[in-house]
Amino acid sequence: MSEEEYLCEANYNESYISPDVLEEQELINNSDILTFIFPIFWLDAPSKLVGWFSRVFTYGFRYYNDDEQE
């Protein structure tokens, strides 16, 4: 996660999303189902997958601040 991506997530800001993340989000939007298959060690996903979640499931794409929802 780059510094720009971190600052956008920390401030609930949609101003910067890198092109590779936009490509992944488009693939997700065009999919009917997502399946994540990974070994469960210590009851959590592998760190690379957690990093992918952090980068791709961004504010404004898959979640919003509860105060801002209508």
PDB file of N, CA and C in Angstrom:
ATOM      1  N   MET A   1       0.861  -1.163   0.000  1.00  0.00           N
ATOM      2  CA  MET A   1       0.000   0.000   0.000  1.00  0.00           C
ATOM      3  C   MET A   1       0.909   1.228   0.000  1.00  0.00           C
ATOM      4  N   SER A   2       0.678   2.101  -0.934  1.00  0.00           N
ATOM      5  CA  SER A   2       1.493   3.314  -1.017  1.00  0.00           C
ATOM      6  C   SER A   2       1.049   4.330   0.034  1.00  0.00           C
ATOM      7  N   GLU A   3       1.861   5.354   0.222  1.00  0.00           N
ATOM      8  CA  GLU A   3       1.516   6.395   1.195  1.00  0.00           C
ATOM      9  C   GLU A   3       0.230   7.113   0.787  1.00  0.00           C
ATOM     10  N   GLU A   4       0.061   7.363  -0.519  1.00  0.00           N
ATOM     11  CA  GLU A   4      -1.156   8.030  -0.984  1.00  0.00           C
ATOM     12  C   GLU A   4      -2.400   7.196  -0.689  1.00  0.00           C
ATOM     13  N   GLU A   5      -2.300   5.872  -0.936  1.00  0.00           N
ATOM     14  CA  GLU A   5      -3.427   4.986  -0.656  1.00  0.00           C
ATOM     15  C   GLU A   5      -3.736   4.952   0.836  1.00  0.00           C
ATOM     16  N   TYR A   6      -2.697   4.891   1.659  1.00  0.00           N
ATOM     17  CA  TYR A   6      -2.903   4.877   3.108  1.00  0.00           C
ATOM     18  C   TYR A   6      -3.593   6.153   3.573  1.00  0.00           C
ATOM     19  N   LEU A   7      -3.144   7.306   3.098  1.00  0.00           N
ATOM     20  CA  LEU A   7      -3.736   8.574   3.519  1.00  0.00           C
ATOM     21  C   LEU A   7      -5.191   8.687   3.064  1.00  0.00           C
ATOM     22  N   CYS A   8      -5.503   8.176   1.889  1.00  0.00           N
ATOM     23  CA  CYS A   8      -6.890   8.205   1.420  1.00  0.00           C
ATOM     24  C   CYS A   8      -7.780   7.363   2.318  1.00  0.00           C
ATOM     25  N   GLU A   9      -7.313   6.172   2.699  1.00  0.00           N
ATOM     26  CA  GLU A   9      -8.102   5.302   3.561  1.00  0.00           C
ATOM     27  C   GLU A   9      -8.215   5.874   4.966  1.00  0.00           C
ATOM     28  N   ALA A  10      -7.147   6.456   5.473  1.00  0.00           N
ATOM     29  CA  ALA A  10      -7.158   6.995   6.830  1.00  0.00           C
ATOM     30  C   ALA A  10      -8.090   8.191   6.958  1.00  0.00           C
ATOM     31  N   ASN A  11      -8.281   8.923   5.877  1.00  0.00           N
ATOM     32  CA  ASN A  11      -9.114  10.128   5.907  1.00  0.00           C
ATOM     33  C   ASN A  11     -10.459   9.938   5.214  1.00  0.00           C
ATOM     34  N   TYR A  12     -10.811   8.691   4.893  1.00  0.00           N
ATOM     35  CA  TYR A  12     -12.054   8.402   4.158  1.00  0.00           C
ATOM     36  C   TYR A  12     -12.156   9.288   2.924  1.00  0.00           C
ATOM     37  N   ASN A  13     -11.142   9.215   2.090  1.00  0.00           N
ATOM     38  CA  ASN A  13     -11.033  10.077   0.927  1.00  0.00           C
ATOM     39  C   ASN A  13     -10.893   9.201  -0.316  1.00  0.00           C
ATOM     40  N   GLU A  14     -11.604   9.524  -1.367  1.00  0.00           N
ATOM     41  CA  GLU A  14     -11.553   8.745  -2.597  1.00  0.00           C
ATOM     42  C   GLU A  14     -10.696   9.419  -3.661  1.00  0.00           C
ATOM     43  N   SER A  15      -9.820  10.339  -3.288  1.00  0.00           N
ATOM     44  CA  SER A  15      -9.129  11.156  -4.272  1.00  0.00           C
ATOM     45  C   SER A  15      -8.065  10.404  -5.061  1.00  0.00           C
ATOM     46  N   TYR A  16      -7.429   9.388  -4.488  1.00  0.00           N
ATOM     47  CA  TYR A  16      -6.372   8.683  -5.214  1.00  0.00           C
ATOM     48  C   TYR A  16      -6.593   7.189  -5.148  1.00  0.00           C
ATOM     49  N   ILE A  17      -6.702   6.573  -6.323  1.00  0.00           N
ATOM     50  CA  ILE A  17      -6.750   5.117  -6.427  1.00  0.00           C
ATOM     51  C   ILE A  17      -5.827   4.758  -7.583  1.00  0.00           C
ATOM     52  N   SER A  18      -4.863   3.889  -7.328  1.00  0.00           N
ATOM     53  CA  SER A  18      -3.884   3.551  -8.356  1.00  0.00           C
ATOM     54  C   SER A  18      -4.544   2.762  -9.492  1.00  0.00           C
ATOM     55  N   PRO A  19      -3.968   2.832 -10.680  1.00  0.00           N
ATOM     56  CA  PRO A  19      -4.565   2.159 -11.851  1.00  0.00           C
ATOM     57  C   PRO A  19      -4.714   0.650 -11.675  1.00  0.00           C
ATOM     58  N   ASP A  20      -3.749  -0.011 -11.010  1.00  0.00           N
ATOM     59  CA  ASP A  20      -3.879  -1.457 -10.831  1.00  0.00           C
ATOM     60  C   ASP A  20      -5.035  -1.810  -9.903  1.00  0.00           C
ATOM     61  N   VAL A  21      -5.311  -0.966  -8.929  1.00  0.00           N
ATOM     62  CA  VAL A  21      -6.449  -1.186  -8.034  1.00  0.00           C
ATOM     63  C   VAL A  21      -7.755  -0.958  -8.783  1.00  0.00           C
ATOM     64  N   LEU A  22      -7.814   0.061  -9.617  1.00  0.00           N
ATOM     65  CA  LEU A  22      -9.010   0.302 -10.428  1.00  0.00           C
ATOM     66  C   LEU A  22      -9.304  -0.885 -11.340  1.00  0.00           C
ATOM     67  N   GLU A  23      -8.252  -1.498 -11.881  1.00  0.00           N
ATOM     68  CA  GLU A  23      -8.423  -2.675 -12.734  1.00  0.00           C
ATOM     69  C   GLU A  23      -9.005  -3.844 -11.936  1.00  0.00           C
ATOM     70  N   GLU A  24      -8.483  -4.065 -10.725  1.00  0.00           N
ATOM     71  CA  GLU A  24      -9.007  -5.137  -9.868  1.00  0.00           C
ATOM     72  C   GLU A  24     -10.466  -4.874  -9.489  1.00  0.00           C
ATOM     73  N   GLN A  25     -10.798  -3.632  -9.184  1.00  0.00           N
ATOM     74  CA  GLN A  25     -12.176  -3.286  -8.825  1.00  0.00           C
ATOM     75  C   GLN A  25     -13.119  -3.505  -9.998  1.00  0.00           C
ATOM     76  N   GLU A  26     -12.650  -3.213 -11.206  1.00  0.00           N
ATOM     77  CA  GLU A  26     -13.482  -3.453 -12.391  1.00  0.00           C
ATOM     78  C   GLU A  26     -13.723  -4.946 -12.579  1.00  0.00           C
ATOM     79  N   LEU A  27     -12.686  -5.756 -12.358  1.00  0.00           N
ATOM     80  CA  LEU A  27     -12.859  -7.205 -12.453  1.00  0.00           C
ATOM     81  C   LEU A  27     -13.870  -7.707 -11.430  1.00  0.00           C
ATOM     82  N   ILE A  28     -13.816  -7.172 -10.221  1.00  0.00           N
ATOM     83  CA  ILE A  28     -14.771  -7.560  -9.180  1.00  0.00           C
ATOM     84  C   ILE A  28     -16.186  -7.164  -9.578  1.00  0.00           C
ATOM     85  N   ASN A  29     -16.354  -5.952 -10.078  1.00  0.00           N
ATOM     86  CA  ASN A  29     -17.688  -5.480 -10.473  1.00  0.00           C
ATOM     87  C   ASN A  29     -18.257  -6.294 -11.624  1.00  0.00           C
ATOM     88  N   ASN A  30     -17.408  -6.854 -12.465  1.00  0.00           N
ATOM     89  CA  ASN A  30     -17.864  -7.645 -13.602  1.00  0.00           C
ATOM     90  C   ASN A  30     -18.027  -9.125 -13.269  1.00  0.00           C
ATOM     91  N   SER A  31     -17.780  -9.494 -12.020  1.00  0.00           N
ATOM     92  CA  SER A  31     -17.871 -10.892 -11.601  1.00  0.00           C
ATOM     93  C   SER A  31     -19.223 -11.184 -10.972  1.00  0.00           C
ATOM     94  N   ASP A  32     -19.631 -12.426 -11.074  1.00  0.00           N
ATOM     95  CA  ASP A  32     -20.854 -12.872 -10.420  1.00  0.00           C
ATOM     96  C   ASP A  32     -20.591 -13.356  -9.003  1.00  0.00           C
ATOM     97  N   ILE A  33     -19.410 -13.902  -8.777  1.00  0.00           N
ATOM     98  CA  ILE A  33     -19.078 -14.445  -7.467  1.00  0.00           C
ATOM     99  C   ILE A  33     -17.569 -14.341  -7.254  1.00  0.00           C
ATOM    100  N   LEU A  34     -17.171 -14.137  -6.010  1.00  0.00           N
ATOM    101  CA  LEU A  34     -15.764 -14.145  -5.627  1.00  0.00           C
ATOM    102  C   LEU A  34     -15.541 -15.307  -4.674  1.00  0.00           C
ATOM    103  N   THR A  35     -14.494 -16.053  -4.901  1.00  0.00           N
ATOM    104  CA  THR A  35     -14.151 -17.159  -4.021  1.00  0.00           C
ATOM    105  C   THR A  35     -12.697 -17.004  -3.611  1.00  0.00           C
ATOM    106  N   PHE A  36     -12.444 -16.995  -2.329  1.00  0.00           N
ATOM    107  CA  PHE A  36     -11.092 -16.900  -1.808  1.00  0.00           C
ATOM    108  C   PHE A  36     -10.745 -18.238  -1.171  1.00  0.00           C
ATOM    109  N   ILE A  37      -9.746 -18.903  -1.723  1.00  0.00           N
ATOM    110  CA  ILE A  37      -9.302 -20.194  -1.207  1.00  0.00           C
ATOM    111  C   ILE A  37      -7.885 -20.004  -0.699  1.00  0.00           C
ATOM    112  N   PHE A  38      -7.700 -20.246   0.590  1.00  0.00           N
ATOM    113  CA  PHE A  38      -6.378 -20.090   1.181  1.00  0.00           C
ATOM    114  C   PHE A  38      -6.291 -20.939   2.441  1.00  0.00           C
ATOM    115  N   PRO A  39      -5.074 -21.305   2.808  1.00  0.00           N
ATOM    116  CA  PRO A  39      -4.916 -22.067   4.053  1.00  0.00           C
ATOM    117  C   PRO A  39      -5.133 -21.161   5.256  1.00  0.00           C
ATOM    118  N   ILE A  40      -5.718 -21.707   6.275  1.00  0.00           N
ATOM    119  CA  ILE A  40      -5.966 -20.915   7.480  1.00  0.00           C
ATOM    120  C   ILE A  40      -4.909 -21.282   8.522  1.00  0.00           C
ATOM    121  N   PHE A  41      -3.961 -20.390   8.680  1.00  0.00           N
ATOM    122  CA  PHE A  41      -2.950 -20.523   9.722  1.00  0.00           C
ATOM    123  C   PHE A  41      -3.218 -19.444  10.743  1.00  0.00           C
ATOM    124  N   TRP A  42      -3.276 -19.785  11.964  1.00  0.00           N
ATOM    125  CA  TRP A  42      -3.521 -18.848  13.051  1.00  0.00           C
ATOM    126  C   TRP A  42      -4.832 -18.094  12.840  1.00  0.00           C
ATOM    127  N   LEU A  43      -5.798 -18.749  12.214  1.00  0.00           N
ATOM    128  CA  LEU A  43      -7.163 -18.243  12.029  1.00  0.00           C
ATOM    129  C   LEU A  43      -7.239 -16.913  11.281  1.00  0.00           C
ATOM    130  N   ASP A  44      -6.366 -16.702  10.321  1.00  0.00           N
ATOM    131  CA  ASP A  44      -6.412 -15.474   9.516  1.00  0.00           C
ATOM    132  C   ASP A  44      -5.907 -15.775   8.116  1.00  0.00           C
ATOM    133  N   ALA A  45      -6.219 -14.898   7.198  1.00  0.00           N
ATOM    134  CA  ALA A  45      -5.753 -15.031   5.822  1.00  0.00           C
ATOM    135  C   ALA A  45      -4.263 -14.697   5.747  1.00  0.00           C
ATOM    136  N   PRO A  46      -3.584 -15.196   4.713  1.00  0.00           N
ATOM    137  CA  PRO A  46      -2.177 -14.849   4.537  1.00  0.00           C
ATOM    138  C   PRO A  46      -1.993 -13.344   4.354  1.00  0.00           C
ATOM    139  N   SER A  47      -0.833 -12.854   4.728  1.00  0.00           N
ATOM    140  CA  SER A  47      -0.596 -11.409   4.734  1.00  0.00           C
ATOM    141  C   SER A  47      -0.743 -10.785   3.355  1.00  0.00           C
ATOM    142  N   LYS A  48      -0.360 -11.497   2.295  1.00  0.00           N
ATOM    143  CA  LYS A  48      -0.521 -10.926   0.945  1.00  0.00           C
ATOM    144  C   LYS A  48      -2.003 -10.732   0.614  1.00  0.00           C
ATOM    145  N   LEU A  49      -2.841 -11.653   1.028  1.00  0.00           N
ATOM    146  CA  LEU A  49      -4.272 -11.523   0.768  1.00  0.00           C
ATOM    147  C   LEU A  49      -4.873 -10.395   1.600  1.00  0.00           C
ATOM    148  N   VAL A  50      -4.455 -10.266   2.844  1.00  0.00           N
ATOM    149  CA  VAL A  50      -4.930  -9.162   3.683  1.00  0.00           C
ATOM    150  C   VAL A  50      -4.508  -7.827   3.071  1.00  0.00           C
ATOM    151  N   GLY A  51      -3.293  -7.761   2.550  1.00  0.00           N
ATOM    152  CA  GLY A  51      -2.836  -6.552   1.865  1.00  0.00           C
ATOM    153  C   GLY A  51      -3.653  -6.255   0.622  1.00  0.00           C
ATOM    154  N   TRP A  52      -4.013  -7.310  -0.109  1.00  0.00           N
ATOM    155  CA  TRP A  52      -4.860  -7.131  -1.296  1.00  0.00           C
ATOM    156  C   TRP A  52      -6.231  -6.597  -0.888  1.00  0.00           C
ATOM    157  N   PHE A  53      -6.810  -7.157   0.171  1.00  0.00           N
ATOM    158  CA  PHE A  53      -8.085  -6.644   0.684  1.00  0.00           C
ATOM    159  C   PHE A  53      -7.970  -5.161   1.021  1.00  0.00           C
ATOM    160  N   SER A  54      -6.900  -4.786   1.692  1.00  0.00           N
ATOM    161  CA  SER A  54      -6.712  -3.393   2.103  1.00  0.00           C
ATOM    162  C   SER A  54      -6.594  -2.452   0.917  1.00  0.00           C
ATOM    163  N   ARG A  55      -5.948  -2.910  -0.137  1.00  0.00           N
ATOM    164  CA  ARG A  55      -5.761  -2.050  -1.303  1.00  0.00           C
ATOM    165  C   ARG A  55      -7.004  -1.981  -2.183  1.00  0.00           C
ATOM    166  N   VAL A  56      -7.692  -3.110  -2.373  1.00  0.00           N
ATOM    167  CA  VAL A  56      -8.771  -3.180  -3.361  1.00  0.00           C
ATOM    168  C   VAL A  56     -10.130  -2.817  -2.778  1.00  0.00           C
ATOM    169  N   PHE A  57     -10.444  -3.260  -1.580  1.00  0.00           N
ATOM    170  CA  PHE A  57     -11.735  -2.939  -0.971  1.00  0.00           C
ATOM    171  C   PHE A  57     -11.628  -1.582  -0.289  1.00  0.00           C
ATOM    172  N   THR A  58     -11.604  -0.547  -1.093  1.00  0.00           N
ATOM    173  CA  THR A  58     -11.348   0.808  -0.611  1.00  0.00           C
ATOM    174  C   THR A  58     -12.623   1.517  -0.181  1.00  0.00           C
ATOM    175  N   TYR A  59     -12.413   2.608   0.528  1.00  0.00           N
ATOM    176  CA  TYR A  59     -13.512   3.488   0.916  1.00  0.00           C
ATOM    177  C   TYR A  59     -14.162   4.018  -0.353  1.00  0.00           C
ATOM    178  N   GLY A  60     -15.455   3.927  -0.433  1.00  0.00           N
ATOM    179  CA  GLY A  60     -16.186   4.371  -1.614  1.00  0.00           C
ATOM    180  C   GLY A  60     -16.444   3.252  -2.602  1.00  0.00           C
ATOM    181  N   PHE A  61     -15.640   2.188  -2.536  1.00  0.00           N
ATOM    182  CA  PHE A  61     -15.858   1.042  -3.427  1.00  0.00           C
ATOM    183  C   PHE A  61     -16.710  -0.015  -2.738  1.00  0.00           C
ATOM    184  N   ARG A  62     -16.349  -0.392  -1.531  1.00  0.00           N
ATOM    185  CA  ARG A  62     -17.093  -1.427  -0.814  1.00  0.00           C
ATOM    186  C   ARG A  62     -17.573  -1.013   0.562  1.00  0.00           C
ATOM    187  N   TYR A  63     -17.217   0.151   1.010  1.00  0.00           N
ATOM    188  CA  TYR A  63     -17.739   0.584   2.309  1.00  0.00           C
ATOM    189  C   TYR A  63     -17.751   2.101   2.375  1.00  0.00           C
ATOM    190  N   TYR A  64     -18.577   2.615   3.278  1.00  0.00           N
ATOM    191  CA  TYR A  64     -18.700   4.049   3.535  1.00  0.00           C
ATOM    192  C   TYR A  64     -18.739   4.265   5.039  1.00  0.00           C
ATOM    193  N   ASN A  65     -18.471   5.467   5.448  1.00  0.00           N
ATOM    194  CA  ASN A  65     -18.621   5.866   6.842  1.00  0.00           C
ATOM    195  C   ASN A  65     -20.112   5.874   7.169  1.00  0.00           C
ATOM    196  N   ASP A  66     -20.524   5.271   8.270  1.00  0.00           N
ATOM    197  CA  ASP A  66     -21.944   5.192   8.626  1.00  0.00           C
ATOM    198  C   ASP A  66     -22.605   6.558   8.709  1.00  0.00           C
ATOM    199  N   ASP A  67     -21.866   7.572   9.085  1.00  0.00           N
ATOM    200  CA  ASP A  67     -22.433   8.918   9.201  1.00  0.00           C
ATOM    201  C   ASP A  67     -22.796   9.517   7.849  1.00  0.00           C
ATOM    202  N   GLU A  68     -22.202   9.008   6.768  1.00  0.00           N
ATOM    203  CA  GLU A  68     -22.406   9.572   5.444  1.00  0.00           C
ATOM    204  C   GLU A  68     -23.470   8.843   4.639  1.00  0.00           C
ATOM    205  N   GLN A  69     -23.926   7.688   5.084  1.00  0.00           N
ATOM    206  CA  GLN A  69     -24.927   6.936   4.329  1.00  0.00           C
ATOM    207  C   GLN A  69     -26.288   7.576   4.495  1.00  0.00           C
ATOM    208  N   GLU A  70     -27.080   7.458   3.457  1.00  0.00           N
ATOM    209  CA  GLU A  70     -28.440   8.021   3.501  1.00  0.00           C
ATOM    210  C   GLU A  70     -29.423   6.999   4.012  1.00  0.00           C
TER     211      GLU A  70
END
